[in-house]
Amino acid sequence: VQLVDSGGALVQPGGSLRLSCVASGFTFSNYVMSWYRQAPGNERELVASISHYGGTTSYGDFVKGRFLISRDNTKNTVYLQMNALKPEDTAIYYCSTKVFFQNYWGQGTQVTVSA
């Protein structure tokens, strides 16, 4: 299983970013995919999850309609569209899945929201 995260950047407050995670080594369409984030000094927290075919999504309370998780099973890719970014969204964002009861993580992509 390999997950490769990308798309992080420095962005101004109120700006937008789209993160991507390309998966390989397993049957992507069979598994729930998630995005987590971890800010310095904080525990890793769940940002969003999406079901196998994208019909069900869930979000952390802090998202409040600003983010959208999606997936393209033809490209083995999951996305996180982030809008109205705030300084408190600054963190390393990780793609994740659980295959055969084991958690797998991407390498992380840094998102920094600052003026």
PDB file of N, CA and C in Angstrom:
ATOM      1  N   VAL A   1       0.851  -1.185   0.000  1.00  0.00           N
ATOM      2  CA  VAL A   1       0.000   0.000   0.000  1.00  0.00           C
ATOM      3  C   VAL A   1       0.891   1.241   0.000  1.00  0.00           C
ATOM      4  N   GLN A   2       0.601   2.151  -0.912  1.00  0.00           N
ATOM      5  CA  GLN A   2       1.335   3.414  -0.945  1.00  0.00           C
ATOM      6  C   GLN A   2       0.352   4.554  -1.164  1.00  0.00           C
ATOM      7  N   LEU A   3       0.512   5.601  -0.364  1.00  0.00           N
ATOM      8  CA  LEU A   3      -0.294   6.805  -0.488  1.00  0.00           C
ATOM      9  C   LEU A   3       0.649   7.984  -0.656  1.00  0.00           C
ATOM     10  N   VAL A   4       0.444   8.767  -1.697  1.00  0.00           N
ATOM     11  CA  VAL A   4       1.314   9.911  -1.970  1.00  0.00           C
ATOM     12  C   VAL A   4       0.475  11.187  -1.969  1.00  0.00           C
ATOM     13  N   ASP A   5       0.725  12.014  -0.937  1.00  0.00           N
ATOM     14  CA  ASP A   5      -0.017  13.261  -0.766  1.00  0.00           C
ATOM     15  C   ASP A   5       0.681  14.384  -1.506  1.00  0.00           C
ATOM     16  N   SER A   6      -0.113  15.329  -1.984  1.00  0.00           N
ATOM     17  CA  SER A   6       0.460  16.524  -2.601  1.00  0.00           C
ATOM     18  C   SER A   6      -0.553  17.666  -2.568  1.00  0.00           C
ATOM     19  N   GLY A   7      -0.064  18.858  -2.891  1.00  0.00           N
ATOM     20  CA  GLY A   7      -0.950  19.999  -3.026  1.00  0.00           C
ATOM     21  C   GLY A   7      -0.837  21.038  -1.927  1.00  0.00           C
ATOM     22  N   GLY A   8      -0.114  20.738  -0.870  1.00  0.00           N
ATOM     23  CA  GLY A   8       0.037  21.711   0.196  1.00  0.00           C
ATOM     24  C   GLY A   8       0.851  22.916  -0.257  1.00  0.00           C
ATOM     25  N   ALA A   9       0.598  24.051   0.400  1.00  0.00           N
ATOM     26  CA  ALA A   9       1.284  25.276   0.013  1.00  0.00           C
ATOM     27  C   ALA A   9       1.045  26.334   1.081  1.00  0.00           C
ATOM     28  N   LEU A  10       1.701  27.469   0.894  1.00  0.00           N
ATOM     29  CA  LEU A  10       1.434  28.661   1.699  1.00  0.00           C
ATOM     30  C   LEU A  10       0.310  29.440   1.010  1.00  0.00           C
ATOM     31  N   VAL A  11      -0.721  29.754   1.768  1.00  0.00           N
ATOM     32  CA  VAL A  11      -1.876  30.452   1.204  1.00  0.00           C
ATOM     33  C   VAL A  11      -2.335  31.511   2.193  1.00  0.00           C
ATOM     34  N   GLN A  12      -2.906  32.585   1.687  1.00  0.00           N
ATOM     35  CA  GLN A  12      -3.402  33.648   2.552  1.00  0.00           C
ATOM     36  C   GLN A  12      -4.743  33.253   3.166  1.00  0.00           C
ATOM     37  N   PRO A  13      -5.075  33.815   4.318  1.00  0.00           N
ATOM     38  CA  PRO A  13      -6.401  33.566   4.905  1.00  0.00           C
ATOM     39  C   PRO A  13      -7.503  33.882   3.908  1.00  0.00           C
ATOM     40  N   GLY A  14      -8.504  33.010   3.868  1.00  0.00           N
ATOM     41  CA  GLY A  14      -9.588  33.155   2.902  1.00  0.00           C
ATOM     42  C   GLY A  14      -9.328  32.473   1.586  1.00  0.00           C
ATOM     43  N   GLY A  15      -8.116  31.993   1.379  1.00  0.00           N
ATOM     44  CA  GLY A  15      -7.760  31.348   0.123  1.00  0.00           C
ATOM     45  C   GLY A  15      -8.212  29.898   0.046  1.00  0.00           C
ATOM     46  N   SER A  16      -7.862  29.265  -1.065  1.00  0.00           N
ATOM     47  CA  SER A  16      -8.273  27.878  -1.320  1.00  0.00           C
ATOM     48  C   SER A  16      -7.074  27.038  -1.736  1.00  0.00           C
ATOM     49  N   LEU A  17      -7.173  25.753  -1.459  1.00  0.00           N
ATOM     50  CA  LEU A  17      -6.198  24.766  -1.906  1.00  0.00           C
ATOM     51  C   LEU A  17      -6.926  23.476  -2.210  1.00  0.00           C
ATOM     52  N   ARG A  18      -6.356  22.685  -3.111  1.00  0.00           N
ATOM     53  CA  ARG A  18      -6.851  21.332  -3.332  1.00  0.00           C
ATOM     54  C   ARG A  18      -5.714  20.355  -3.115  1.00  0.00           C
ATOM     55  N   LEU A  19      -5.915  19.480  -2.146  1.00  0.00           N
ATOM     56  CA  LEU A  19      -4.945  18.419  -1.880  1.00  0.00           C
ATOM     57  C   LEU A  19      -5.330  17.172  -2.677  1.00  0.00           C
ATOM     58  N   SER A  20      -4.311  16.411  -3.058  1.00  0.00           N
ATOM     59  CA  SER A  20      -4.526  15.151  -3.768  1.00  0.00           C
ATOM     60  C   SER A  20      -3.758  14.041  -3.082  1.00  0.00           C
ATOM     61  N   CYS A  21      -4.281  12.835  -3.211  1.00  0.00           N
ATOM     62  CA  CYS A  21      -3.604  11.650  -2.682  1.00  0.00           C
ATOM     63  C   CYS A  21      -3.779  10.537  -3.698  1.00  0.00           C
ATOM     64  N   VAL A  22      -2.668  10.093  -4.253  1.00  0.00           N
ATOM     65  CA  VAL A  22      -2.695   8.997  -5.211  1.00  0.00           C
ATOM     66  C   VAL A  22      -2.346   7.705  -4.488  1.00  0.00           C
ATOM     67  N   ALA A  23      -3.195   6.702  -4.652  1.00  0.00           N
ATOM     68  CA  ALA A  23      -3.032   5.433  -3.945  1.00  0.00           C
ATOM     69  C   ALA A  23      -2.597   4.332  -4.898  1.00  0.00           C
ATOM     70  N   SER A  24      -1.881   3.374  -4.368  1.00  0.00           N
ATOM     71  CA  SER A  24      -1.496   2.207  -5.143  1.00  0.00           C
ATOM     72  C   SER A  24      -1.259   1.033  -4.208  1.00  0.00           C
ATOM     73  N   GLY A  25      -1.270  -0.165  -4.780  1.00  0.00           N
ATOM     74  CA  GLY A  25      -0.966  -1.357  -4.005  1.00  0.00           C
ATOM     75  C   GLY A  25      -2.167  -2.038  -3.389  1.00  0.00           C
ATOM     76  N   PHE A  26      -3.366  -1.528  -3.645  1.00  0.00           N
ATOM     77  CA  PHE A  26      -4.584  -2.162  -3.154  1.00  0.00           C
ATOM     78  C   PHE A  26      -5.738  -1.749  -4.072  1.00  0.00           C
ATOM     79  N   THR A  27      -6.872  -2.411  -3.909  1.00  0.00           N
ATOM     80  CA  THR A  27      -8.033  -2.097  -4.742  1.00  0.00           C
ATOM     81  C   THR A  27      -8.718  -0.866  -4.175  1.00  0.00           C
ATOM     82  N   PHE A  28      -8.374   0.278  -4.715  1.00  0.00           N
ATOM     83  CA  PHE A  28      -8.752   1.579  -4.168  1.00  0.00           C
ATOM     84  C   PHE A  28     -10.257   1.691  -3.942  1.00  0.00           C
ATOM     85  N   SER A  29     -11.052   1.245  -4.893  1.00  0.00           N
ATOM     86  CA  SER A  29     -12.499   1.438  -4.814  1.00  0.00           C
ATOM     87  C   SER A  29     -13.166   0.597  -3.730  1.00  0.00           C
ATOM     88  N   ASN A  30     -12.424  -0.279  -3.093  1.00  0.00           N
ATOM     89  CA  ASN A  30     -12.990  -1.124  -2.039  1.00  0.00           C
ATOM     90  C   ASN A  30     -12.897  -0.511  -0.646  1.00  0.00           C
ATOM     91  N   TYR A  31     -12.229   0.644  -0.544  1.00  0.00           N
ATOM     92  CA  TYR A  31     -11.887   1.141   0.787  1.00  0.00           C
ATOM     93  C   TYR A  31     -12.286   2.598   1.001  1.00  0.00           C
ATOM     94  N   VAL A  32     -12.680   2.849   2.250  1.00  0.00           N
ATOM     95  CA  VAL A  32     -12.906   4.218   2.706  1.00  0.00           C
ATOM     96  C   VAL A  32     -11.567   4.956   2.714  1.00  0.00           C
ATOM     97  N   MET A  33     -11.601   6.205   2.312  1.00  0.00           N
ATOM     98  CA  MET A  33     -10.410   7.056   2.341  1.00  0.00           C
ATOM     99  C   MET A  33     -10.668   8.251   3.236  1.00  0.00           C
ATOM    100  N   SER A  34      -9.620   8.705   3.889  1.00  0.00           N
ATOM    101  CA  SER A  34      -9.759   9.813   4.835  1.00  0.00           C
ATOM    102  C   SER A  34      -8.597  10.784   4.702  1.00  0.00           C
ATOM    103  N   TRP A  35      -8.853  11.988   5.156  1.00  0.00           N
ATOM    104  CA  TRP A  35      -7.811  13.003   5.353  1.00  0.00           C
ATOM    105  C   TRP A  35      -7.753  13.323   6.850  1.00  0.00           C
ATOM    106  N   TYR A  36      -6.548  13.371   7.370  1.00  0.00           N
ATOM    107  CA  TYR A  36      -6.285  13.806   8.735  1.00  0.00           C
ATOM    108  C   TYR A  36      -5.340  15.008   8.671  1.00  0.00           C
ATOM    109  N   ARG A  37      -5.222  15.681   9.799  1.00  0.00           N
ATOM    110  CA  ARG A  37      -4.234  16.747   9.881  1.00  0.00           C
ATOM    111  C   ARG A  37      -3.636  16.774  11.284  1.00  0.00           C
ATOM    112  N   GLN A  38      -2.431  17.324  11.343  1.00  0.00           N
ATOM    113  CA  GLN A  38      -1.753  17.457  12.631  1.00  0.00           C
ATOM    114  C   GLN A  38      -0.988  18.770  12.646  1.00  0.00           C
ATOM    115  N   ALA A  39      -1.347  19.619  13.592  1.00  0.00           N
ATOM    116  CA  ALA A  39      -0.654  20.881  13.803  1.00  0.00           C
ATOM    117  C   ALA A  39       0.395  20.697  14.899  1.00  0.00           C
ATOM    118  N   PRO A  40       1.424  21.527  14.909  1.00  0.00           N
ATOM    119  CA  PRO A  40       2.477  21.390  15.935  1.00  0.00           C
ATOM    120  C   PRO A  40       1.877  21.427  17.337  1.00  0.00           C
ATOM    121  N   GLY A  41       2.251  20.434  18.143  1.00  0.00           N
ATOM    122  CA  GLY A  41       1.782  20.367  19.515  1.00  0.00           C
ATOM    123  C   GLY A  41       0.402  19.784  19.688  1.00  0.00           C
ATOM    124  N   ASN A  42      -0.247  19.451  18.578  1.00  0.00           N
ATOM    125  CA  ASN A  42      -1.603  18.899  18.649  1.00  0.00           C
ATOM    126  C   ASN A  42      -1.621  17.443  18.226  1.00  0.00           C
ATOM    127  N   GLU A  43      -2.680  16.754  18.619  1.00  0.00           N
ATOM    128  CA  GLU A  43      -2.860  15.386  18.148  1.00  0.00           C
ATOM    129  C   GLU A  43      -3.395  15.405  16.709  1.00  0.00           C
ATOM    130  N   ARG A  44      -3.162  14.292  16.033  1.00  0.00           N
ATOM    131  CA  ARG A  44      -3.697  14.156  14.686  1.00  0.00           C
ATOM    132  C   ARG A  44      -5.220  14.072  14.775  1.00  0.00           C
ATOM    133  N   GLU A  45      -5.922  14.797  13.905  1.00  0.00           N
ATOM    134  CA  GLU A  45      -7.377  14.812  13.940  1.00  0.00           C
ATOM    135  C   GLU A  45      -7.962  14.517  12.563  1.00  0.00           C
ATOM    136  N   LEU A  46      -9.139  13.922  12.581  1.00  0.00           N
ATOM    137  CA  LEU A  46      -9.820  13.573  11.346  1.00  0.00           C
ATOM    138  C   LEU A  46     -10.420  14.824  10.709  1.00  0.00           C
ATOM    139  N   VAL A  47     -10.123  15.028   9.438  1.00  0.00           N
ATOM    140  CA  VAL A  47     -10.675  16.153   8.687  1.00  0.00           C
ATOM    141  C   VAL A  47     -11.922  15.714   7.919  1.00  0.00           C
ATOM    142  N   ALA A  48     -11.804  14.614   7.175  1.00  0.00           N
ATOM    143  CA  ALA A  48     -12.921  14.163   6.347  1.00  0.00           C
ATOM    144  C   ALA A  48     -12.708  12.718   5.934  1.00  0.00           C
ATOM    145  N   SER A  49     -13.822  12.038   5.654  1.00  0.00           N
ATOM    146  CA  SER A  49     -13.781  10.672   5.136  1.00  0.00           C
ATOM    147  C   SER A  49     -14.778  10.538   4.005  1.00  0.00           C
ATOM    148  N   ILE A  50     -14.515   9.569   3.134  1.00  0.00           N
ATOM    149  CA  ILE A  50     -15.414   9.326   2.003  1.00  0.00           C
ATOM    150  C   ILE A  50     -15.539   7.833   1.790  1.00  0.00           C
ATOM    151  N   SER A  51     -16.740   7.389   1.514  1.00  0.00           N
ATOM    152  CA  SER A  51     -17.008   5.964   1.335  1.00  0.00           C
ATOM    153  C   SER A  51     -16.471   5.481  -0.010  1.00  0.00           C
ATOM    154  N   HIS A  52     -16.599   4.182  -0.220  1.00  0.00           N
ATOM    155  CA  HIS A  52     -15.958   3.494  -1.343  1.00  0.00           C
ATOM    156  C   HIS A  52     -16.247   4.158  -2.685  1.00  0.00           C
ATOM    157  N   TYR A  53     -17.507   4.491  -2.925  1.00  0.00           N
ATOM    158  CA  TYR A  53     -17.880   5.080  -4.209  1.00  0.00           C
ATOM    159  C   TYR A  53     -18.283   6.548  -4.087  1.00  0.00           C
ATOM    160  N   GLY A  54     -17.990   7.131  -2.928  1.00  0.00           N
ATOM    161  CA  GLY A  54     -18.193   8.568  -2.759  1.00  0.00           C
ATOM    162  C   GLY A  54     -19.586   8.973  -2.344  1.00  0.00           C
ATOM    163  N   GLY A  55     -20.454   7.993  -2.073  1.00  0.00           N
ATOM    164  CA  GLY A  55     -21.826   8.347  -1.753  1.00  0.00           C
ATOM    165  C   GLY A  55     -22.028   8.907  -0.362  1.00  0.00           C
ATOM    166  N   THR A  56     -21.095   8.632   0.528  1.00  0.00           N
ATOM    167  CA  THR A  56     -21.203   9.098   1.911  1.00  0.00           C
ATOM    168  C   THR A  56     -19.918   9.807   2.304  1.00  0.00           C
ATOM    169  N   THR A  57     -20.066  10.983   2.859  1.00  0.00           N
ATOM    170  CA  THR A  57     -18.917  11.740   3.343  1.00  0.00           C
ATOM    171  C   THR A  57     -19.187  12.209   4.772  1.00  0.00           C
ATOM    172  N   SER A  58     -18.129  12.430   5.495  1.00  0.00           N
ATOM    173  CA  SER A  58     -18.247  12.993   6.840  1.00  0.00           C
ATOM    174  C   SER A  58     -17.083  13.928   7.073  1.00  0.00           C
ATOM    175  N   TYR A  59     -17.294  14.886   8.000  1.00  0.00           N
ATOM    176  CA  TYR A  59     -16.311  15.945   8.223  1.00  0.00           C
ATOM    177  C   TYR A  59     -16.156  16.240   9.705  1.00  0.00           C
ATOM    178  N   GLY A  60     -14.972  16.705  10.072  1.00  0.00           N
ATOM    179  CA  GLY A  60     -14.782  17.204  11.414  1.00  0.00           C
ATOM    180  C   GLY A  60     -15.615  18.453  11.633  1.00  0.00           C
ATOM    181  N   ASP A  61     -16.015  18.672  12.873  1.00  0.00           N
ATOM    182  CA  ASP A  61     -16.885  19.815  13.173  1.00  0.00           C
ATOM    183  C   ASP A  61     -16.262  21.140  12.758  1.00  0.00           C
ATOM    184  N   PHE A  62     -14.950  21.215  12.805  1.00  0.00           N
ATOM    185  CA  PHE A  62     -14.267  22.479  12.512  1.00  0.00           C
ATOM    186  C   PHE A  62     -14.341  22.847  11.027  1.00  0.00           C
ATOM    187  N   VAL A  63     -14.721  21.894  10.183  1.00  0.00           N
ATOM    188  CA  VAL A  63     -14.770  22.164   8.741  1.00  0.00           C
ATOM    189  C   VAL A  63     -15.893  23.145   8.421  1.00  0.00           C
ATOM    190  N   LYS A  64     -17.054  22.939   8.998  1.00  0.00           N
ATOM    191  CA  LYS A  64     -18.184  23.858   8.881  1.00  0.00           C
ATOM    192  C   LYS A  64     -18.474  24.260   7.438  1.00  0.00           C
ATOM    193  N   GLY A  65     -18.511  23.281   6.542  1.00  0.00           N
ATOM    194  CA  GLY A  65     -18.898  23.530   5.161  1.00  0.00           C
ATOM    195  C   GLY A  65     -17.819  24.129   4.281  1.00  0.00           C
ATOM    196  N   ARG A  66     -16.613  24.262   4.794  1.00  0.00           N
ATOM    197  CA  ARG A  66     -15.550  24.898   4.010  1.00  0.00           C
ATOM    198  C   ARG A  66     -14.792  23.919   3.122  1.00  0.00           C
ATOM    199  N   PHE A  67     -14.773  22.632   3.504  1.00  0.00           N
ATOM    200  CA  PHE A  67     -13.975  21.633   2.773  1.00  0.00           C
ATOM    201  C   PHE A  67     -14.897  20.639   2.071  1.00  0.00           C
ATOM    202  N   LEU A  68     -14.363  20.044   0.997  1.00  0.00           N
ATOM    203  CA  LEU A  68     -15.103  19.014   0.280  1.00  0.00           C
ATOM    204  C   LEU A  68     -14.160  17.875  -0.068  1.00  0.00           C
ATOM    205  N   ILE A  69     -14.496  16.673   0.381  1.00  0.00           N
ATOM    206  CA  ILE A  69     -13.710  15.497   0.035  1.00  0.00           C
ATOM    207  C   ILE A  69     -14.372  14.817  -1.150  1.00  0.00           C
ATOM    208  N   SER A  70     -13.549  14.333  -2.072  1.00  0.00           N
ATOM    209  CA  SER A  70     -14.072  13.623  -3.238  1.00  0.00           C
ATOM    210  C   SER A  70     -13.054  12.572  -3.662  1.00  0.00           C
ATOM    211  N   ARG A  71     -13.469  11.699  -4.551  1.00  0.00           N
ATOM    212  CA  ARG A  71     -12.553  10.666  -5.037  1.00  0.00           C
ATOM    213  C   ARG A  71     -12.856  10.346  -6.488  1.00  0.00           C
ATOM    214  N   ASP A  72     -11.813   9.903  -7.180  1.00  0.00           N
ATOM    215  CA  ASP A  72     -11.936   9.433  -8.547  1.00  0.00           C
ATOM    216  C   ASP A  72     -11.358   8.025  -8.569  1.00  0.00           C
ATOM    217  N   ASN A  73     -12.232   7.032  -8.567  1.00  0.00           N
ATOM    218  CA  ASN A  73     -11.768   5.648  -8.506  1.00  0.00           C
ATOM    219  C   ASN A  73     -11.079   5.204  -9.800  1.00  0.00           C
ATOM    220  N   THR A  74     -11.282   5.928 -10.884  1.00  0.00           N
ATOM    221  CA  THR A  74     -10.580   5.585 -12.123  1.00  0.00           C
ATOM    222  C   THR A  74      -9.123   6.038 -12.075  1.00  0.00           C
ATOM    223  N   LYS A  75      -8.838   6.973 -11.176  1.00  0.00           N
ATOM    224  CA  LYS A  75      -7.472   7.487 -11.033  1.00  0.00           C
ATOM    225  C   LYS A  75      -6.838   7.107  -9.697  1.00  0.00           C
ATOM    226  N   ASN A  76      -7.547   6.304  -8.909  1.00  0.00           N
ATOM    227  CA  ASN A  76      -7.036   5.917  -7.579  1.00  0.00           C
ATOM    228  C   ASN A  76      -6.617   7.151  -6.765  1.00  0.00           C
ATOM    229  N   THR A  77      -7.437   8.166  -6.810  1.00  0.00           N
ATOM    230  CA  THR A  77      -7.085   9.442  -6.194  1.00  0.00           C
ATOM    231  C   THR A  77      -8.229   9.966  -5.335  1.00  0.00           C
ATOM    232  N   VAL A  78      -7.855  10.491  -4.177  1.00  0.00           N
ATOM    233  CA  VAL A  78      -8.804  11.178  -3.315  1.00  0.00           C
ATOM    234  C   VAL A  78      -8.354  12.629  -3.182  1.00  0.00           C
ATOM    235  N   TYR A  79      -9.316  13.525  -3.129  1.00  0.00           N
ATOM    236  CA  TYR A  79      -9.042  14.957  -3.099  1.00  0.00           C
ATOM    237  C   TYR A  79      -9.629  15.589  -1.840  1.00  0.00           C
ATOM    238  N   LEU A  80      -9.046  16.710  -1.457  1.00  0.00           N
ATOM    239  CA  LEU A  80      -9.630  17.540  -0.416  1.00  0.00           C
ATOM    240  C   LEU A  80      -9.588  18.985  -0.900  1.00  0.00           C
ATOM    241  N   GLN A  81     -10.743  19.495  -1.257  1.00  0.00           N
ATOM    242  CA  GLN A  81     -10.862  20.895  -1.654  1.00  0.00           C
ATOM    243  C   GLN A  81     -11.101  21.710  -0.388  1.00  0.00           C
ATOM    244  N   MET A  82     -10.226  22.662  -0.148  1.00  0.00           N
ATOM    245  CA  MET A  82     -10.311  23.475   1.061  1.00  0.00           C
ATOM    246  C   MET A  82     -10.526  24.931   0.668  1.00  0.00           C
ATOM    247  N   ASN A  83     -11.607  25.503   1.146  1.00  0.00           N
ATOM    248  CA  ASN A  83     -11.949  26.893   0.854  1.00  0.00           C
ATOM    249  C   ASN A  83     -12.018  27.687   2.157  1.00  0.00           C
ATOM    250  N   ALA A  84     -11.998  28.993   2.020  1.00  0.00           N
ATOM    251  CA  ALA A  84     -12.113  29.873   3.187  1.00  0.00           C
ATOM    252  C   ALA A  84     -11.126  29.470   4.278  1.00  0.00           C
ATOM    253  N   LEU A  85      -9.896  29.260   3.887  1.00  0.00           N
ATOM    254  CA  LEU A  85      -8.893  28.778   4.832  1.00  0.00           C
ATOM    255  C   LEU A  85      -8.592  29.810   5.911  1.00  0.00           C
ATOM    256  N   LYS A  86      -8.327  29.278   7.100  1.00  0.00           N
ATOM    257  CA  LYS A  86      -8.046  30.107   8.273  1.00  0.00           C
ATOM    258  C   LYS A  86      -6.643  29.775   8.790  1.00  0.00           C
ATOM    259  N   PRO A  87      -6.023  30.693   9.508  1.00  0.00           N
ATOM    260  CA  PRO A  87      -4.710  30.380  10.080  1.00  0.00           C
ATOM    261  C   PRO A  87      -4.712  29.107  10.925  1.00  0.00           C
ATOM    262  N   GLU A  88      -5.804  28.825  11.593  1.00  0.00           N
ATOM    263  CA  GLU A  88      -5.870  27.612  12.410  1.00  0.00           C
ATOM    264  C   GLU A  88      -5.965  26.328  11.593  1.00  0.00           C
ATOM    265  N   ASP A  89      -6.095  26.442  10.287  1.00  0.00           N
ATOM    266  CA  ASP A  89      -6.037  25.263   9.418  1.00  0.00           C
ATOM    267  C   ASP A  89      -4.594  24.858   9.107  1.00  0.00           C
ATOM    268  N   THR A  90      -3.646  25.656   9.544  1.00  0.00           N
ATOM    269  CA  THR A  90      -2.240  25.332   9.318  1.00  0.00           C
ATOM    270  C   THR A  90      -1.885  24.013   9.986  1.00  0.00           C
ATOM    271  N   ALA A  91      -1.368  23.089   9.188  1.00  0.00           N
ATOM    272  CA  ALA A  91      -1.054  21.741   9.686  1.00  0.00           C
ATOM    273  C   ALA A  91      -0.427  20.938   8.552  1.00  0.00           C
ATOM    274  N   ILE A  92       0.068  19.773   8.918  1.00  0.00           N
ATOM    275  CA  ILE A  92       0.418  18.782   7.910  1.00  0.00           C
ATOM    276  C   ILE A  92      -0.813  17.914   7.689  1.00  0.00           C
ATOM    277  N   TYR A  93      -1.171  17.746   6.439  1.00  0.00           N
ATOM    278  CA  TYR A  93      -2.365  16.979   6.080  1.00  0.00           C
ATOM    279  C   TYR A  93      -1.933  15.616   5.523  1.00  0.00           C
ATOM    280  N   TYR A  94      -2.598  14.584   6.011  1.00  0.00           N
ATOM    281  CA  TYR A  94      -2.253  13.214   5.651  1.00  0.00           C
ATOM    282  C   TYR A  94      -3.463  12.486   5.065  1.00  0.00           C
ATOM    283  N   CYS A  95      -3.234  11.805   3.991  1.00  0.00           N
ATOM    284  CA  CYS A  95      -4.209  10.869   3.451  1.00  0.00           C
ATOM    285  C   CYS A  95      -4.078   9.550   4.213  1.00  0.00           C
ATOM    286  N   SER A  96      -5.190   8.840   4.386  1.00  0.00           N
ATOM    287  CA  SER A  96      -5.137   7.604   5.161  1.00  0.00           C
ATOM    288  C   SER A  96      -6.195   6.623   4.700  1.00  0.00           C
ATOM    289  N   THR A  97      -5.896   5.336   4.904  1.00  0.00           N
ATOM    290  CA  THR A  97      -6.871   4.296   4.703  1.00  0.00           C
ATOM    291  C   THR A  97      -6.533   3.123   5.615  1.00  0.00           C
ATOM    292  N   LYS A  98      -7.491   2.220   5.768  1.00  0.00           N
ATOM    293  CA  LYS A  98      -7.252   1.011   6.553  1.00  0.00           C
ATOM    294  C   LYS A  98      -7.510  -0.180   5.647  1.00  0.00           C
ATOM    295  N   VAL A  99      -6.469  -0.978   5.465  1.00  0.00           N
ATOM    296  CA  VAL A  99      -6.546  -2.165   4.606  1.00  0.00           C
ATOM    297  C   VAL A  99      -6.182  -3.374   5.445  1.00  0.00           C
ATOM    298  N   PHE A 100      -7.069  -4.352   5.473  1.00  0.00           N
ATOM    299  CA  PHE A 100      -6.839  -5.563   6.277  1.00  0.00           C
ATOM    300  C   PHE A 100      -6.464  -5.207   7.717  1.00  0.00           C
ATOM    301  N   PHE A 101      -7.256  -4.295   8.293  1.00  0.00           N
ATOM    302  CA  PHE A 101      -7.136  -3.899   9.702  1.00  0.00           C
ATOM    303  C   PHE A 101      -5.867  -3.127  10.030  1.00  0.00           C
ATOM    304  N   GLN A 102      -5.109  -2.716   9.035  1.00  0.00           N
ATOM    305  CA  GLN A 102      -3.903  -1.927   9.275  1.00  0.00           C
ATOM    306  C   GLN A 102      -4.063  -0.539   8.668  1.00  0.00           C
ATOM    307  N   ASN A 103      -3.697   0.472   9.458  1.00  0.00           N
ATOM    308  CA  ASN A 103      -3.757   1.841   8.987  1.00  0.00           C
ATOM    309  C   ASN A 103      -2.532   2.190   8.152  1.00  0.00           C
ATOM    310  N   TYR A 104      -2.781   2.873   7.066  1.00  0.00           N
ATOM    311  CA  TYR A 104      -1.707   3.372   6.205  1.00  0.00           C
ATOM    312  C   TYR A 104      -1.844   4.882   6.059  1.00  0.00           C
ATOM    313  N   TRP A 105      -0.686   5.530   5.923  1.00  0.00           N
ATOM    314  CA  TRP A 105      -0.646   6.988   5.866  1.00  0.00           C
ATOM    315  C   TRP A 105       0.224   7.458   4.704  1.00  0.00           C
ATOM    316  N   GLY A 106      -0.183   8.583   4.120  1.00  0.00           N
ATOM    317  CA  GLY A 106       0.703   9.251   3.189  1.00  0.00           C
ATOM    318  C   GLY A 106       1.829   9.933   3.944  1.00  0.00           C
ATOM    319  N   GLN A 107       2.726  10.526   3.187  1.00  0.00           N
ATOM    320  CA  GLN A 107       3.893  11.162   3.812  1.00  0.00           C
ATOM    321  C   GLN A 107       3.547  12.524   4.397  1.00  0.00           C
ATOM    322  N   GLY A 108       2.387  13.044   4.032  1.00  0.00           N
ATOM    323  CA  GLY A 108       1.947  14.341   4.525  1.00  0.00           C
ATOM    324  C   GLY A 108       2.304  15.467   3.576  1.00  0.00           C
ATOM    325  N   THR A 109       1.451  16.492   3.588  1.00  0.00           N
ATOM    326  CA  THR A 109       1.701  17.682   2.790  1.00  0.00           C
ATOM    327  C   THR A 109       1.390  18.905   3.658  1.00  0.00           C
ATOM    328  N   GLN A 110       2.307  19.862   3.668  1.00  0.00           N
ATOM    329  CA  GLN A 110       2.201  21.002   4.574  1.00  0.00           C
ATOM    330  C   GLN A 110       1.263  22.064   4.009  1.00  0.00           C
ATOM    331  N   VAL A 111       0.296  22.451   4.823  1.00  0.00           N
ATOM    332  CA  VAL A 111      -0.583  23.576   4.499  1.00  0.00           C
ATOM    333  C   VAL A 111      -0.319  24.676   5.519  1.00  0.00           C
ATOM    334  N   THR A 112       0.045  25.843   5.034  1.00  0.00           N
ATOM    335  CA  THR A 112       0.291  26.992   5.903  1.00  0.00           C
ATOM    336  C   THR A 112      -0.606  28.135   5.460  1.00  0.00           C
ATOM    337  N   VAL A 113      -1.414  28.615   6.403  1.00  0.00           N
ATOM    338  CA  VAL A 113      -2.327  29.722   6.116  1.00  0.00           C
ATOM    339  C   VAL A 113      -1.835  30.941   6.884  1.00  0.00           C
ATOM    340  N   SER A 114      -1.348  31.909   6.154  1.00  0.00           N
ATOM    341  CA  SER A 114      -0.744  33.069   6.790  1.00  0.00           C
ATOM    342  C   SER A 114      -0.745  34.242   5.823  1.00  0.00           C
ATOM    343  N   ALA A 115      -0.891  35.418   6.400  1.00  0.00           N
ATOM    344  CA  ALA A 115      -0.828  36.641   5.594  1.00  0.00           C
ATOM    345  C   ALA A 115       0.627  37.043   5.371  1.00  0.00           C
TER     346      ALA A 115
END
